[in-house]
Amino acid sequence: MLGCGIVGSAVARILDAHSDEIAERVGARLEIRKVAVRKLGKERDVPLSRDVFTNDASEVVGDSDIQVLIEVMGGIEPTRTLILDAMRSGKHVVSANKELIGALGRELFDEAEANSVEFNFEASVAGGVPIIRPLKESLAGERVERVMGILNGTTNYILTKMAEDGMEFDQALAQAERLGYSELDPTADIEGFDPAAKLSILASIAFNARVVAGDVYREGITQVKQADIGNARSLGYVVKLLAIAECVDGEIAMRVHPAMIPRTHPLASVRDNLNAIFVEGNQVGELMFYGRGAGGPPTAISVIGDVVDVARHIVGGGRGVGSLYSQPARVRPMDSTVSQHYILLEVADKPGVLARVAQTFADHDVSIMSMLQEGMGDEARLILVTHNALERNFQALLAELRTLEVVDEIASSMRVQSAGD
């Protein structure tokens, strides 16, 4: 095993506590032979002897008696090199590394195929929620049309606290940090990098395509305000950070951004630090996978599930489902996607404002579904929700609205994901 932090320690404890049951399911006992760590002297709550630990990862990769490598150390390098070396030496690999797989997955998949070893990564997306294997195996006969989900527990917790307890963003983030839901540097979560990496992995499997995290359009939640949360509630919506991948006319559109979704949508009820993935297929219809998307024990269960799968194949012969990412992908640019939008405008309170704003929408081929005026005088605001519009048209609309003398400020804008979209 490479790494023995929160997830790695949980893997060691669960393998020890459930050793008999796991041995029955595999047909052989699983033994942790070596663990590479950065600090040898650190106290760890794991049922492993001290002589198992090493601070030289090459000892683990180079041990010819080790058949399966568990990678839970994270990061790009030296992790990438260690995994590739392990595969070249004939070791099967189980990884929880969303960052590495999201950025360089294709290289790892190709290396596994070239060396006839298995590369499993269920824990890289949504922690303890099984989604990789269902997409690869259970839905192998389905044509998946869309994958949409809440893939980051930190941001979901923050948005829950803003909606239910009236917290501002900074307050909710501070509470997430105190509870240990956020990393010391929360940038990957709140700016959407984490869910973008996970979405690229899901899209690769769902659409049999070569895509990476850099192909995903990304917005975080730092600009979400209490006014947006309140307006969403008034309009019958809930604000979530959504990760959406869909196949449109042979192109794959992928995006991560805050969005208003109807209170009646199953994803609207996903609270706190939980994760959920909504899968739509042309035969099975709508499926949802829901549960604890982070934390040591849930993620460790996914890791161990992958190890058990590999071990069964070692004992009984055969191989699991290999890489499915054979097709070059045509990624749809964000400005070619279609969405509804919410806009909050601070406007002058005088005759002709509504007509001028409405004409600007019409000039850019963006139609208004609903409009509400709040306040008077300097407090005058317009709350608008559009019908579906092309992204490039909407962005051009925003640019012109900023130039209108009747518009003091575009206080906020956000996409709206309707139930039928």
Protein backbone atom coordinates (compact mmCIF):
# COMPACT_ATOMS: atom_id res chain seq x y z
CA MET A 1 0.00 0.00 0.00
CA LEU A 2 1.24 3.48 -0.87
CA GLY A 3 0.05 5.87 1.84
CA CYS A 4 -1.49 5.30 5.25
CA GLY A 5 -3.49 8.42 5.97
CA ILE A 6 -7.22 8.60 6.68
CA VAL A 7 -8.19 6.22 3.87
CA GLY A 8 -5.18 3.91 4.08
CA SER A 9 -5.58 3.49 7.84
CA ALA A 10 -9.25 2.62 7.37
CA VAL A 11 -8.31 0.06 4.70
CA ALA A 12 -5.89 -1.63 7.12
CA ARG A 13 -8.41 -1.70 9.99
CA ILE A 14 -11.27 -3.06 7.87
CA LEU A 15 -9.10 -5.73 6.22
CA ASP A 16 -8.09 -6.89 9.71
CA ALA A 17 -11.57 -6.75 11.25
CA HIS A 18 -13.25 -8.51 8.30
CA SER A 19 -10.39 -10.84 7.36
CA ASP A 20 -12.35 -14.08 7.70
CA GLU A 21 -15.36 -12.90 5.68
CA ILE A 22 -13.12 -11.43 2.98
CA ALA A 23 -11.10 -14.66 2.78
CA GLU A 24 -14.32 -16.61 2.20
CA ARG A 25 -15.35 -14.27 -0.60
CA VAL A 26 -11.94 -14.33 -2.27
CA GLY A 27 -10.87 -17.91 -1.70
CA ALA A 28 -7.59 -16.71 -0.19
CA ARG A 29 -6.39 -14.42 2.59
CA LEU A 30 -5.37 -10.85 1.87
CA GLU A 31 -2.24 -9.66 3.66
CA ILE A 32 -0.76 -6.18 3.76
CA ARG A 33 2.90 -6.93 3.21
CA LYS A 34 4.41 -3.43 2.95
CA VAL A 35 3.19 0.14 3.44
CA ALA A 36 5.07 3.18 2.14
CA VAL A 37 4.68 6.31 4.30
CA ARG A 38 6.41 9.68 4.52
CA LYS A 39 7.06 9.60 8.29
CA LEU A 40 8.12 6.29 9.79
CA GLY A 41 7.91 7.47 13.39
CA LYS A 42 4.32 8.69 13.25
CA GLU A 43 1.84 6.89 15.52
CA ARG A 44 -0.92 5.18 13.52
CA ASP A 45 -4.10 3.51 14.69
CA VAL A 46 -3.66 0.43 12.51
CA PRO A 47 -3.30 -3.30 13.30
CA LEU A 48 0.07 -3.57 11.51
CA SER A 49 3.53 -4.29 12.88
CA ARG A 50 6.18 -1.59 12.57
CA ASP A 51 8.35 -3.68 10.25
CA VAL A 52 5.62 -3.45 7.57
CA PHE A 53 6.28 0.29 7.14
CA THR A 54 8.91 1.87 4.93
CA ASN A 55 9.63 5.39 3.76
CA ASP A 56 10.96 4.06 0.45
CA ALA A 57 8.04 3.54 -1.95
CA SER A 58 10.30 1.65 -4.36
CA GLU A 59 10.47 -1.17 -1.79
CA VAL A 60 6.75 -1.69 -2.22
CA VAL A 61 6.77 -1.41 -6.01
CA GLY A 62 9.86 -3.61 -6.33
CA ASP A 63 8.72 -6.45 -4.06
CA SER A 64 8.18 -9.41 -6.41
CA ASP A 65 5.90 -11.19 -3.90
CA ILE A 66 3.35 -8.37 -3.88
CA GLN A 67 0.56 -8.96 -6.41
CA VAL A 68 -1.72 -5.97 -5.79
CA LEU A 69 -0.74 -2.35 -5.16
CA ILE A 70 -3.18 -0.08 -3.30
CA GLU A 71 -2.48 3.62 -3.99
CA VAL A 72 -3.99 6.03 -1.46
CA MET A 73 -1.18 8.60 -1.26
CA GLY A 74 -2.70 11.06 -3.75
CA GLY A 75 -1.08 13.67 -5.98
CA ILE A 76 0.37 13.40 -9.48
CA GLU A 77 4.07 12.71 -8.92
CA PRO A 78 5.73 10.53 -7.78
CA THR A 79 2.41 8.63 -7.72
CA ARG A 80 2.14 8.36 -11.49
CA THR A 81 5.65 6.96 -11.87
CA LEU A 82 5.17 4.48 -9.03
CA ILE A 83 1.91 3.16 -10.48
CA LEU A 84 3.40 2.79 -13.96
CA ASP A 85 6.43 0.96 -12.54
CA ALA A 86 4.15 -1.35 -10.56
CA MET A 87 2.13 -2.20 -13.67
CA ARG A 88 5.30 -2.87 -15.66
CA SER A 89 6.38 -5.31 -12.96
CA GLY A 90 3.09 -7.20 -13.30
CA LYS A 91 1.22 -5.79 -10.31
CA HIS A 92 -2.49 -5.04 -10.38
CA VAL A 93 -3.32 -1.55 -9.09
CA VAL A 94 -6.22 -0.18 -7.06
CA SER A 95 -6.32 3.61 -6.74
CA ALA A 96 -8.47 6.29 -5.09
CA ASN A 97 -6.63 9.11 -6.88
CA LYS A 98 -9.22 11.25 -8.69
CA GLU A 99 -6.69 13.99 -9.46
CA LEU A 100 -4.29 11.63 -11.23
CA ILE A 101 -6.96 9.64 -13.07
CA GLY A 102 -8.85 12.76 -14.09
CA ALA A 103 -5.70 14.28 -15.58
CA LEU A 104 -3.72 11.29 -16.88
CA GLY A 105 -6.12 8.37 -16.79
CA ARG A 106 -5.62 7.35 -20.39
CA GLU A 107 -1.90 6.74 -19.85
CA LEU A 108 -2.65 4.51 -16.85
CA PHE A 109 -5.37 2.59 -18.67
CA ASP A 110 -3.08 1.98 -21.66
CA GLU A 111 -0.25 0.80 -19.42
CA ALA A 112 -2.53 -1.62 -17.59
CA GLU A 113 -3.70 -3.07 -20.92
CA ALA A 114 -0.14 -3.33 -22.24
CA ASN A 115 0.93 -5.31 -19.17
CA SER A 116 -2.25 -7.42 -18.81
CA VAL A 117 -2.93 -6.15 -15.31
CA GLU A 118 -6.07 -4.71 -13.76
CA PHE A 119 -6.49 -1.06 -12.81
CA ASN A 120 -9.48 -0.41 -10.56
CA PHE A 121 -10.52 2.98 -9.19
CA GLU A 122 -14.02 2.82 -7.69
CA ALA A 123 -12.95 5.01 -4.76
CA SER A 124 -11.85 7.87 -7.03
CA VAL A 125 -15.44 9.11 -7.42
CA ALA A 126 -18.02 9.55 -4.64
CA GLY A 127 -16.11 7.64 -1.95
CA GLY A 128 -18.29 4.82 -0.69
CA VAL A 129 -21.01 5.27 -3.32
CA PRO A 130 -20.65 2.54 -5.98
CA ILE A 131 -20.83 4.14 -9.44
CA ILE A 132 -17.75 3.11 -11.48
CA ARG A 133 -18.58 -0.60 -11.60
CA PRO A 134 -22.31 -0.05 -12.26
CA LEU A 135 -21.43 2.16 -15.25
CA LYS A 136 -18.76 -0.23 -16.57
CA GLU A 137 -20.58 -3.50 -15.99
CA SER A 138 -24.23 -3.27 -14.93
CA LEU A 139 -25.04 -0.65 -17.59
CA ALA A 140 -22.74 -2.06 -20.28
CA GLY A 141 -25.74 -2.68 -22.54
CA GLU A 142 -27.22 0.77 -21.99
CA ARG A 143 -26.67 3.95 -23.95
CA VAL A 144 -26.20 6.49 -21.18
CA GLU A 145 -27.47 9.91 -22.16
CA ARG A 146 -26.57 11.99 -19.12
CA VAL A 147 -24.72 11.80 -15.82
CA MET A 148 -25.54 14.54 -13.34
CA GLY A 149 -24.57 14.71 -9.73
CA ILE A 150 -23.40 16.30 -6.53
CA LEU A 151 -19.80 15.10 -6.38
CA ASN A 152 -18.28 17.22 -3.62
CA GLY A 153 -19.36 16.93 0.01
CA THR A 154 -17.68 20.14 1.18
CA THR A 155 -19.55 22.41 -1.21
CA ASN A 156 -22.82 20.56 -0.64
CA TYR A 157 -22.43 21.09 3.11
CA ILE A 158 -21.73 24.81 2.60
CA LEU A 159 -24.78 25.28 0.35
CA THR A 160 -26.94 23.32 2.79
CA LYS A 161 -25.94 25.58 5.67
CA MET A 162 -26.54 28.69 3.58
CA ALA A 163 -30.02 27.44 2.65
CA GLU A 164 -31.15 25.99 5.97
CA ASP A 165 -29.35 28.13 8.58
CA GLY A 166 -29.05 31.42 6.72
CA MET A 167 -25.25 31.43 6.82
CA GLU A 168 -23.15 33.47 4.46
CA PHE A 169 -20.58 31.61 2.37
CA ASP A 170 -17.60 32.46 4.60
CA GLN A 171 -19.43 31.33 7.75
CA ALA A 172 -20.45 28.02 6.21
CA LEU A 173 -16.94 27.37 4.90
CA ALA A 174 -15.45 28.04 8.34
CA GLN A 175 -17.86 25.56 9.91
CA ALA A 176 -17.01 22.94 7.25
CA GLU A 177 -13.33 23.43 8.09
CA ARG A 178 -13.97 23.06 11.85
CA LEU A 179 -15.83 19.79 11.28
CA GLY A 180 -13.08 18.41 9.07
CA TYR A 181 -15.20 18.34 5.90
CA SER A 182 -12.80 20.66 4.09
CA GLU A 183 -9.09 20.38 3.34
CA LEU A 184 -6.70 22.95 4.85
CA ASP A 185 -6.68 24.51 1.39
CA PRO A 186 -10.32 24.32 0.22
CA THR A 187 -9.61 25.65 -3.29
CA ALA A 188 -10.09 22.32 -5.09
CA ASP A 189 -13.53 21.99 -3.51
CA ILE A 190 -14.99 25.49 -3.60
CA GLU A 191 -13.60 26.34 -7.05
CA GLY A 192 -14.89 23.10 -8.58
CA PHE A 193 -11.60 21.37 -9.45
CA ASP A 194 -12.45 18.28 -7.37
CA PRO A 195 -15.87 17.58 -8.95
CA ALA A 196 -14.45 18.40 -12.42
CA ALA A 197 -11.86 15.61 -12.05
CA LYS A 198 -14.53 13.19 -10.88
CA LEU A 199 -16.89 14.18 -13.69
CA SER A 200 -14.23 13.52 -16.33
CA ILE A 201 -13.82 9.99 -14.95
CA LEU A 202 -17.58 9.35 -15.04
CA ALA A 203 -17.92 10.79 -18.54
CA SER A 204 -15.05 8.63 -19.80
CA ILE A 205 -16.87 5.51 -18.66
CA ALA A 206 -20.42 6.56 -19.46
CA PHE A 207 -19.63 7.62 -23.03
CA ASN A 208 -16.62 5.37 -23.79
CA ALA A 209 -14.54 8.42 -24.54
CA ARG A 210 -11.12 9.90 -23.87
CA VAL A 211 -11.75 13.01 -21.83
CA VAL A 212 -9.77 14.65 -19.04
CA ALA A 213 -10.49 17.10 -16.25
CA GLY A 214 -9.22 19.98 -18.39
CA ASP A 215 -12.10 19.37 -20.81
CA VAL A 216 -14.65 20.22 -18.12
CA TYR A 217 -16.05 23.75 -17.91
CA ARG A 218 -15.79 24.80 -14.26
CA GLU A 219 -17.24 27.39 -11.91
CA GLY A 220 -17.10 27.28 -8.11
CA ILE A 221 -19.50 28.48 -5.44
CA THR A 222 -17.62 31.48 -4.05
CA GLN A 223 -19.98 33.91 -5.81
CA VAL A 224 -23.18 32.35 -4.46
CA LYS A 225 -24.91 34.86 -2.16
CA GLN A 226 -27.72 34.64 0.38
CA ALA A 227 -29.85 36.65 -2.06
CA ASP A 228 -29.49 33.84 -4.62
CA ILE A 229 -30.40 31.22 -2.02
CA GLY A 230 -33.48 33.20 -0.99
CA ASN A 231 -34.59 33.90 -4.55
CA ALA A 232 -34.16 30.25 -5.43
CA ARG A 233 -36.41 29.32 -2.51
CA SER A 234 -39.06 31.83 -3.63
CA LEU A 235 -38.96 30.43 -7.16
CA GLY A 236 -39.27 26.81 -5.99
CA TYR A 237 -35.61 25.86 -6.44
CA VAL A 238 -32.59 24.75 -4.41
CA VAL A 239 -29.00 25.79 -5.21
CA LYS A 240 -26.50 22.95 -5.71
CA LEU A 241 -23.04 22.65 -7.25
CA LEU A 242 -23.88 20.33 -10.13
CA ALA A 243 -21.54 18.23 -12.25
CA ILE A 244 -23.21 17.46 -15.60
CA ALA A 245 -22.00 15.35 -18.51
CA GLU A 246 -24.18 14.57 -21.51
CA CYS A 247 -23.84 13.34 -25.04
CA VAL A 248 -25.36 15.79 -27.53
CA ASP A 249 -25.24 15.12 -31.28
CA GLY A 250 -22.12 13.01 -30.93
CA GLU A 251 -20.34 15.56 -28.74
CA ILE A 252 -19.69 15.34 -25.00
CA ALA A 253 -20.66 18.40 -22.98
CA MET A 254 -19.21 18.56 -19.46
CA ARG A 255 -19.62 21.30 -16.91
CA VAL A 256 -19.43 21.96 -13.18
CA HIS A 257 -21.22 25.04 -11.84
CA PRO A 258 -23.78 26.19 -9.28
CA ALA A 259 -27.33 25.73 -10.50
CA MET A 260 -30.88 26.09 -9.29
CA ILE A 261 -32.77 22.79 -9.44
CA PRO A 262 -36.47 22.25 -8.62
CA ARG A 263 -37.21 21.29 -5.02
CA THR A 264 -38.98 18.21 -6.42
CA HIS A 265 -35.83 16.86 -8.12
CA PRO A 266 -34.20 13.91 -6.25
CA LEU A 267 -30.87 15.77 -6.10
CA ALA A 268 -32.49 18.68 -4.25
CA SER A 269 -32.89 16.52 -1.13
CA VAL A 270 -29.18 15.58 -0.98
CA ARG A 271 -28.02 17.47 2.12
CA ASP A 272 -24.88 18.20 4.09
CA ASN A 273 -21.74 16.36 2.95
CA LEU A 274 -23.51 13.56 1.08
CA ASN A 275 -22.99 12.79 -2.62
CA ALA A 276 -25.39 11.58 -5.29
CA ILE A 277 -25.14 10.69 -8.97
CA PHE A 278 -28.18 10.77 -11.27
CA VAL A 279 -27.82 8.58 -14.38
CA GLU A 280 -30.20 8.74 -17.34
CA GLY A 281 -30.33 6.04 -20.01
CA ASN A 282 -32.59 5.47 -22.98
CA GLN A 283 -33.72 2.06 -21.69
CA VAL A 284 -33.43 2.10 -17.88
CA GLY A 285 -34.66 5.67 -17.55
CA GLU A 286 -33.48 7.45 -14.39
CA LEU A 287 -31.25 5.92 -11.72
CA MET A 288 -29.75 7.57 -8.63
CA PHE A 289 -26.77 6.47 -6.54
CA TYR A 290 -26.65 8.17 -3.15
CA GLY A 291 -24.59 8.05 0.03
CA ARG A 292 -21.44 9.10 1.86
CA GLY A 293 -19.07 10.42 -0.76
CA ALA A 294 -16.03 11.01 1.43
CA GLY A 295 -14.37 9.96 4.67
CA GLY A 296 -12.00 7.16 5.57
CA PRO A 297 -14.27 4.14 6.14
CA PRO A 298 -16.69 4.70 3.20
CA THR A 299 -13.83 5.30 0.76
CA ALA A 300 -11.91 2.33 2.20
CA ILE A 301 -14.88 0.06 1.49
CA SER A 302 -14.69 1.00 -2.20
CA VAL A 303 -10.92 0.37 -2.18
CA ILE A 304 -11.37 -3.04 -0.58
CA GLY A 305 -14.14 -3.92 -3.01
CA ASP A 306 -11.71 -3.32 -5.87
CA VAL A 307 -9.00 -5.38 -4.14
CA VAL A 308 -11.42 -8.27 -3.58
CA ASP A 309 -12.42 -8.14 -7.25
CA VAL A 310 -8.78 -8.34 -8.37
CA ALA A 311 -7.96 -11.07 -5.82
CA ARG A 312 -10.83 -13.24 -7.05
CA HIS A 313 -9.44 -13.06 -10.56
CA ILE A 314 -5.96 -13.98 -9.32
CA VAL A 315 -7.37 -17.01 -7.48
CA GLY A 316 -9.89 -18.13 -10.09
CA GLY A 317 -8.25 -16.92 -13.27
CA GLY A 318 -9.52 -14.42 -15.80
CA ARG A 319 -9.56 -10.64 -15.75
CA GLY A 320 -12.02 -7.94 -14.95
CA VAL A 321 -13.45 -5.43 -17.39
CA GLY A 322 -10.55 -3.41 -18.74
CA SER A 323 -10.32 0.07 -20.16
CA LEU A 324 -13.40 1.21 -22.04
CA TYR A 325 -12.06 4.56 -23.13
CA SER A 326 -11.35 3.71 -26.74
CA GLN A 327 -13.02 6.51 -28.66
CA PRO A 328 -11.52 9.97 -29.23
CA ALA A 329 -14.00 12.45 -27.82
CA ARG A 330 -15.46 15.51 -29.47
CA VAL A 331 -15.92 17.87 -26.56
CA ARG A 332 -18.71 20.42 -27.00
CA PRO A 333 -17.53 23.96 -26.14
CA MET A 334 -19.37 25.58 -23.28
CA ASP A 335 -20.65 28.38 -25.50
CA SER A 336 -22.53 25.77 -27.57
CA THR A 337 -24.45 24.35 -24.61
CA VAL A 338 -28.06 25.25 -23.84
CA SER A 339 -29.40 26.17 -20.39
CA GLN A 340 -31.97 28.21 -18.58
CA HIS A 341 -30.66 31.10 -16.50
CA TYR A 342 -31.57 33.17 -13.46
CA ILE A 343 -30.50 36.83 -13.40
CA LEU A 344 -30.74 39.39 -10.61
CA LEU A 345 -30.56 42.98 -11.94
CA GLU A 346 -30.38 46.18 -9.94
CA VAL A 347 -32.16 48.75 -12.12
CA ALA A 348 -33.29 52.35 -12.21
CA ASP A 349 -36.84 52.87 -11.00
CA LYS A 350 -38.29 54.85 -13.88
CA PRO A 351 -40.63 54.35 -16.84
CA GLY A 352 -39.39 52.24 -19.74
CA VAL A 353 -36.90 50.09 -17.78
CA LEU A 354 -38.80 46.82 -18.25
CA ALA A 355 -39.30 47.47 -21.95
CA ARG A 356 -35.62 48.31 -22.47
CA VAL A 357 -34.44 45.20 -20.61
CA ALA A 358 -36.94 42.95 -22.41
CA GLN A 359 -35.87 44.31 -25.80
CA THR A 360 -32.22 43.56 -25.00
CA PHE A 361 -33.15 39.94 -24.20
CA ALA A 362 -35.04 39.68 -27.48
CA ASP A 363 -32.12 41.16 -29.43
CA HIS A 364 -29.94 38.28 -28.25
CA ASP A 365 -32.53 35.55 -28.84
CA VAL A 366 -33.00 34.89 -25.12
CA SER A 367 -36.63 34.65 -24.11
CA ILE A 368 -37.89 35.46 -20.61
CA MET A 369 -39.92 32.77 -18.83
CA SER A 370 -40.70 34.82 -15.70
CA MET A 371 -39.96 38.29 -14.36
CA LEU A 372 -40.48 39.76 -10.90
CA GLN A 373 -39.76 43.31 -9.69
CA GLU A 374 -38.73 43.91 -6.09
CA GLY A 375 -38.35 47.22 -4.25
CA MET A 376 -38.61 50.81 -5.33
CA GLY A 377 -36.21 53.67 -6.00
CA ASP A 378 -32.55 52.82 -5.38
CA GLU A 379 -33.59 49.34 -4.18
CA ALA A 380 -35.35 48.36 -7.42
CA ARG A 381 -34.44 44.86 -8.59
CA LEU A 382 -35.55 42.55 -11.37
CA ILE A 383 -35.52 38.78 -10.87
CA LEU A 384 -35.67 37.01 -14.23
CA VAL A 385 -35.63 33.37 -15.32
CA THR A 386 -35.09 32.59 -18.99
CA HIS A 387 -36.18 29.78 -21.23
CA ASN A 388 -33.42 27.56 -22.63
CA ALA A 389 -30.85 29.70 -24.44
CA LEU A 390 -27.55 29.13 -26.18
CA GLU A 391 -24.68 29.94 -23.84
CA ARG A 392 -22.94 32.30 -26.27
CA ASN A 393 -26.17 34.26 -26.70
CA PHE A 394 -26.63 34.54 -22.96
CA GLN A 395 -23.07 35.76 -22.38
CA ALA A 396 -23.52 38.37 -25.12
CA LEU A 397 -26.75 39.43 -23.41
CA LEU A 398 -24.92 39.90 -20.09
CA ALA A 399 -22.26 42.00 -21.79
CA GLU A 400 -24.86 44.35 -23.28
CA LEU A 401 -26.91 44.57 -20.09
CA ARG A 402 -23.81 45.91 -18.34
CA THR A 403 -23.76 48.83 -20.79
CA LEU A 404 -27.40 49.87 -20.36
CA GLU A 405 -27.99 53.12 -18.52
CA VAL A 406 -31.11 51.64 -16.90
CA VAL A 407 -29.12 48.74 -15.36
CA ASP A 408 -27.07 49.71 -12.30
CA GLU A 409 -25.58 46.24 -11.75
CA ILE A 410 -25.93 42.58 -12.64
CA ALA A 411 -26.03 41.48 -9.02
CA SER A 412 -26.01 37.77 -9.85
CA SER A 413 -26.63 35.17 -12.53
CA MET A 414 -26.87 31.41 -12.30
CA ARG A 415 -27.91 28.51 -14.48
CA VAL A 416 -31.21 26.75 -13.88
CA GLN A 417 -31.48 23.00 -14.34
CA SER A 418 -35.16 22.24 -14.84
CA ALA A 419 -36.61 18.84 -14.11
CA GLY A 420 -37.11 18.09 -17.79
CA ASP A 421 -33.67 19.29 -18.96
